Amino acid sequence: MSLIANYAYTDAKVISDAWRNPLNPLDSGLLGNHLDNVPRHSGKIFATYDFGDNGLGLRLGGGVTASTRVWGNVQNTYTLPGWARVDGFASYTSLWDGHKITAQLNLKNLNNVRYFDGADIFFNATTLFAAFPAKPFTATGTIRVEF
């Protein structure tokens, strides 16, 4: 069995701003604001278990990825909510004619949580309507042959 976990604390703020408000030259407008699309807290924990020997046989895994809310723009006028997503996989590896073959099924967003990957701050007139919804539950299958 293996367990992988990570956590990030990110305090990303504007610490310098050349833009000046003409009505108040001491106020930059953005100084001290949080950066957009950057969660303060984020992390992941993922566990895998091998039922076979020497990398062959059944392997199962699953975990949770989470993020706190993020600001949708650098002006800090709105936020996108935090979320927690559950993922999993199952794979089976076997030898066939001396070659290693692995079939794997990846399951992303098992709990079908609705969340946003971020906001588009570059190509739209207003970011209030430019939040990118994340993909719903997704299953992906792969077959790998190693020579």
C-alpha atoms as a PDB file:
ATOM      1  CA  MET A   1       0.000   0.000   0.000  1.00  0.00           C
ATOM      2  CA  SER A   2       1.159   3.521  -0.697  1.00  0.00           C
ATOM      3  CA  LEU A   3      -0.195   6.845   0.485  1.00  0.00           C
ATOM      4  CA  ILE A   4       0.625  10.186  -1.101  1.00  0.00           C
ATOM      5  CA  ALA A   5      -0.490  13.476   0.425  1.00  0.00           C
ATOM      6  CA  ASN A   6       0.285  17.100  -0.280  1.00  0.00           C
ATOM      7  CA  TYR A   7      -0.863  20.436   1.030  1.00  0.00           C
ATOM      8  CA  ALA A   8      -0.191  23.976  -0.133  1.00  0.00           C
ATOM      9  CA  TYR A   9      -0.709  27.226   1.709  1.00  0.00           C
ATOM     10  CA  THR A  10      -0.451  30.119  -0.750  1.00  0.00           C
ATOM     11  CA  ASP A  11      -0.797  33.726   0.371  1.00  0.00           C
ATOM     12  CA  ALA A  12      -0.548  35.365  -3.056  1.00  0.00           C
ATOM     13  CA  LYS A  13      -1.160  39.111  -2.826  1.00  0.00           C
ATOM     14  CA  VAL A  14      -0.347  42.188  -4.876  1.00  0.00           C
ATOM     15  CA  ILE A  15       2.672  43.742  -3.134  1.00  0.00           C
ATOM     16  CA  SER A  16       3.489  46.415  -5.712  1.00  0.00           C
ATOM     17  CA  ASP A  17       1.315  48.219  -8.220  1.00  0.00           C
ATOM     18  CA  ALA A  18       2.418  50.959 -10.642  1.00  0.00           C
ATOM     19  CA  TRP A  19      -1.138  52.032 -11.492  1.00  0.00           C
ATOM     20  CA  ARG A  20      -2.227  55.103  -9.574  1.00  0.00           C
ATOM     21  CA  ASN A  21      -5.719  56.391  -8.951  1.00  0.00           C
ATOM     22  CA  PRO A  22      -5.812  59.996 -10.280  1.00  0.00           C
ATOM     23  CA  LEU A  23      -8.143  61.036  -7.448  1.00  0.00           C
ATOM     24  CA  ASN A  24      -5.852  59.542  -4.806  1.00  0.00           C
ATOM     25  CA  PRO A  25      -2.221  59.112  -5.963  1.00  0.00           C
ATOM     26  CA  LEU A  26      -1.351  57.134  -2.820  1.00  0.00           C
ATOM     27  CA  ASP A  27      -3.929  54.442  -3.657  1.00  0.00           C
ATOM     28  CA  SER A  28      -2.948  51.867  -6.302  1.00  0.00           C
ATOM     29  CA  GLY A  29      -6.349  50.217  -6.317  1.00  0.00           C
ATOM     30  CA  LEU A  30      -4.952  46.673  -6.227  1.00  0.00           C
ATOM     31  CA  LEU A  31      -2.281  46.832  -3.535  1.00  0.00           C
ATOM     32  CA  GLY A  32      -2.930  44.142  -0.909  1.00  0.00           C
ATOM     33  CA  ASN A  33      -5.538  42.305  -3.001  1.00  0.00           C
ATOM     34  CA  HIS A  34      -5.307  38.552  -3.429  1.00  0.00           C
ATOM     35  CA  LEU A  35      -4.344  37.178  -6.841  1.00  0.00           C
ATOM     36  CA  ASP A  36      -7.092  35.656  -8.922  1.00  0.00           C
ATOM     37  CA  ASN A  37      -7.537  31.882  -9.338  1.00  0.00           C
ATOM     38  CA  VAL A  38      -5.138  31.110  -6.456  1.00  0.00           C
ATOM     39  CA  PRO A  39      -6.594  29.141  -3.526  1.00  0.00           C
ATOM     40  CA  ARG A  40      -5.287  29.925  -0.041  1.00  0.00           C
ATOM     41  CA  HIS A  41      -5.399  26.223   0.916  1.00  0.00           C
ATOM     42  CA  SER A  42      -5.284  23.230  -1.430  1.00  0.00           C
ATOM     43  CA  GLY A  43      -4.272  19.617  -1.170  1.00  0.00           C
ATOM     44  CA  LYS A  44      -4.656  16.018  -2.129  1.00  0.00           C
ATOM     45  CA  ILE A  45      -4.505  12.619  -0.466  1.00  0.00           C
ATOM     46  CA  PHE A  46      -4.362   9.471  -2.565  1.00  0.00           C
ATOM     47  CA  ALA A  47      -3.952   5.813  -1.582  1.00  0.00           C
ATOM     48  CA  THR A  48      -3.130   2.815  -3.773  1.00  0.00           C
ATOM     49  CA  TYR A  49      -3.082  -0.890  -2.982  1.00  0.00           C
ATOM     50  CA  ASP A  50      -1.461  -3.671  -5.050  1.00  0.00           C
ATOM     51  CA  PHE A  51      -3.131  -7.066  -4.826  1.00  0.00           C
ATOM     52  CA  GLY A  52      -0.502  -8.761  -7.008  1.00  0.00           C
ATOM     53  CA  ASP A  53       3.268  -9.294  -6.903  1.00  0.00           C
ATOM     54  CA  ASN A  54       6.108  -7.660  -8.861  1.00  0.00           C
ATOM     55  CA  GLY A  55       3.817  -5.064 -10.416  1.00  0.00           C
ATOM     56  CA  LEU A  56       1.457  -7.688 -11.832  1.00  0.00           C
ATOM     57  CA  GLY A  57      -2.197  -8.231 -10.933  1.00  0.00           C
ATOM     58  CA  LEU A  58      -4.921  -5.948  -9.656  1.00  0.00           C
ATOM     59  CA  ARG A  59      -4.210  -2.452  -8.347  1.00  0.00           C
ATOM     60  CA  LEU A  60      -6.836  -0.105  -6.844  1.00  0.00           C
ATOM     61  CA  GLY A  61      -6.559   3.489  -5.741  1.00  0.00           C
ATOM     62  CA  GLY A  62      -8.570   6.484  -4.698  1.00  0.00           C
ATOM     63  CA  GLY A  63      -8.339   9.835  -3.067  1.00  0.00           C
ATOM     64  CA  VAL A  64      -9.621  13.338  -2.505  1.00  0.00           C
ATOM     65  CA  THR A  65      -8.451  16.612  -4.058  1.00  0.00           C
ATOM     66  CA  ALA A  66      -9.672  19.848  -2.428  1.00  0.00           C
ATOM     67  CA  SER A  67      -9.334  23.599  -2.707  1.00  0.00           C
ATOM     68  CA  THR A  68     -10.662  26.566  -0.774  1.00  0.00           C
ATOM     69  CA  ARG A  69     -12.429  29.439  -2.507  1.00  0.00           C
ATOM     70  CA  VAL A  70     -10.519  31.628  -4.967  1.00  0.00           C
ATOM     71  CA  TRP A  71     -10.949  35.219  -6.015  1.00  0.00           C
ATOM     72  CA  GLY A  72     -12.376  35.478  -9.536  1.00  0.00           C
ATOM     73  CA  ASN A  73     -10.435  38.628 -10.381  1.00  0.00           C
ATOM     74  CA  VAL A  74      -7.546  40.642  -8.990  1.00  0.00           C
ATOM     75  CA  GLN A  75      -9.945  43.411  -7.970  1.00  0.00           C
ATOM     76  CA  ASN A  76     -11.375  40.894  -5.464  1.00  0.00           C
ATOM     77  CA  THR A  77     -14.988  41.687  -6.348  1.00  0.00           C
ATOM     78  CA  TYR A  78     -16.253  38.073  -6.356  1.00  0.00           C
ATOM     79  CA  THR A  79     -15.162  34.564  -5.387  1.00  0.00           C
ATOM     80  CA  LEU A  80     -15.499  31.094  -6.818  1.00  0.00           C
ATOM     81  CA  PRO A  81     -16.461  28.528  -4.131  1.00  0.00           C
ATOM     82  CA  GLY A  82     -14.200  25.876  -2.650  1.00  0.00           C
ATOM     83  CA  TRP A  83     -14.635  22.227  -3.539  1.00  0.00           C
ATOM     84  CA  ALA A  84     -13.583  18.644  -2.793  1.00  0.00           C
ATOM     85  CA  ARG A  85     -13.440  16.032  -5.559  1.00  0.00           C
ATOM     86  CA  VAL A  86     -13.148  12.230  -5.201  1.00  0.00           C
ATOM     87  CA  ASP A  87     -11.130  10.259  -7.800  1.00  0.00           C
ATOM     88  CA  GLY A  88     -10.323   6.584  -8.190  1.00  0.00           C
ATOM     89  CA  PHE A  89      -8.785   4.020 -10.488  1.00  0.00           C
ATOM     90  CA  ALA A  90      -8.514   0.283 -11.070  1.00  0.00           C
ATOM     91  CA  SER A  91      -5.841  -1.425 -13.159  1.00  0.00           C
ATOM     92  CA  TYR A  92      -4.799  -4.932 -14.023  1.00  0.00           C
ATOM     93  CA  THR A  93      -1.321  -5.852 -15.286  1.00  0.00           C
ATOM     94  CA  SER A  94      -0.370  -9.148 -16.854  1.00  0.00           C
ATOM     95  CA  LEU A  95       2.384 -10.689 -18.951  1.00  0.00           C
ATOM     96  CA  TRP A  96       1.516 -11.806 -22.473  1.00  0.00           C
ATOM     97  CA  ASP A  97       4.176 -13.358 -24.680  1.00  0.00           C
ATOM     98  CA  GLY A  98       6.880 -11.707 -22.555  1.00  0.00           C
ATOM     99  CA  HIS A  99       5.303  -8.241 -22.804  1.00  0.00           C
ATOM    100  CA  LYS A 100       3.715  -6.359 -19.937  1.00  0.00           C
ATOM    101  CA  ILE A 101       0.116  -5.307 -20.653  1.00  0.00           C
ATOM    102  CA  THR A 102      -1.851  -2.985 -18.374  1.00  0.00           C
ATOM    103  CA  ALA A 103      -5.548  -2.141 -18.642  1.00  0.00           C
ATOM    104  CA  GLN A 104      -6.618   0.795 -16.488  1.00  0.00           C
ATOM    105  CA  LEU A 105      -9.871   2.606 -15.728  1.00  0.00           C
ATOM    106  CA  ASN A 106      -9.603   6.136 -14.262  1.00  0.00           C
ATOM    107  CA  LEU A 107     -12.642   7.652 -12.559  1.00  0.00           C
ATOM    108  CA  LYS A 108     -12.469  11.403 -11.998  1.00  0.00           C
ATOM    109  CA  ASN A 109     -15.000  13.366  -9.938  1.00  0.00           C
ATOM    110  CA  LEU A 110     -16.805  10.310  -8.583  1.00  0.00           C
ATOM    111  CA  ASN A 111     -18.945  12.493  -6.328  1.00  0.00           C
ATOM    112  CA  ASN A 112     -19.893  14.606  -9.393  1.00  0.00           C
ATOM    113  CA  VAL A 113     -19.236  17.814  -7.475  1.00  0.00           C
ATOM    114  CA  ARG A 114     -19.884  21.053  -9.350  1.00  0.00           C
ATOM    115  CA  TYR A 115     -16.943  23.417  -9.153  1.00  0.00           C
ATOM    116  CA  PHE A 116     -14.961  25.852 -11.275  1.00  0.00           C
ATOM    117  CA  ASP A 117     -11.445  25.427 -12.666  1.00  0.00           C
ATOM    118  CA  GLY A 118     -10.996  29.205 -12.553  1.00  0.00           C
ATOM    119  CA  ALA A 119     -12.033  32.417 -14.253  1.00  0.00           C
ATOM    120  CA  ASP A 120     -10.934  33.758 -17.631  1.00  0.00           C
ATOM    121  CA  ILE A 121      -9.192  37.051 -16.913  1.00  0.00           C
ATOM    122  CA  PHE A 122      -7.724  37.616 -20.376  1.00  0.00           C
ATOM    123  CA  PHE A 123     -10.228  37.280 -23.224  1.00  0.00           C
ATOM    124  CA  ASN A 124     -13.605  38.463 -21.969  1.00  0.00           C
ATOM    125  CA  ALA A 125     -15.037  41.903 -21.347  1.00  0.00           C
ATOM    126  CA  THR A 126     -16.129  40.980 -17.848  1.00  0.00           C
ATOM    127  CA  THR A 127     -14.899  38.101 -15.721  1.00  0.00           C
ATOM    128  CA  LEU A 128     -18.171  37.955 -13.788  1.00  0.00           C
ATOM    129  CA  PHE A 129     -19.551  35.697 -16.538  1.00  0.00           C
ATOM    130  CA  ALA A 130     -16.338  33.884 -17.436  1.00  0.00           C
ATOM    131  CA  ALA A 131     -16.004  31.149 -14.803  1.00  0.00           C
ATOM    132  CA  PHE A 132     -14.868  27.825 -16.280  1.00  0.00           C
ATOM    133  CA  PRO A 133     -16.991  24.944 -14.968  1.00  0.00           C
ATOM    134  CA  ALA A 134     -14.973  21.798 -14.273  1.00  0.00           C
ATOM    135  CA  LYS A 135     -15.811  18.524 -15.945  1.00  0.00           C
ATOM    136  CA  PRO A 136     -18.460  16.340 -14.304  1.00  0.00           C
ATOM    137  CA  PHE A 137     -17.841  12.652 -13.561  1.00  0.00           C
ATOM    138  CA  THR A 138     -15.466  11.305 -16.209  1.00  0.00           C
ATOM    139  CA  ALA A 139     -14.312   7.736 -16.889  1.00  0.00           C
ATOM    140  CA  THR A 140     -11.239   7.085 -19.036  1.00  0.00           C
ATOM    141  CA  GLY A 141      -9.912   3.693 -20.051  1.00  0.00           C
ATOM    142  CA  THR A 142      -6.394   2.943 -21.302  1.00  0.00           C
ATOM    143  CA  ILE A 143      -4.428  -0.080 -22.437  1.00  0.00           C
ATOM    144  CA  ARG A 144      -0.637   0.049 -22.288  1.00  0.00           C
ATOM    145  CA  VAL A 145       1.774  -2.445 -23.840  1.00  0.00           C
ATOM    146  CA  GLU A 146       5.422  -2.425 -22.754  1.00  0.00           C
ATOM    147  CA  PHE A 147       7.969  -4.033 -25.090  1.00  0.00           C
END
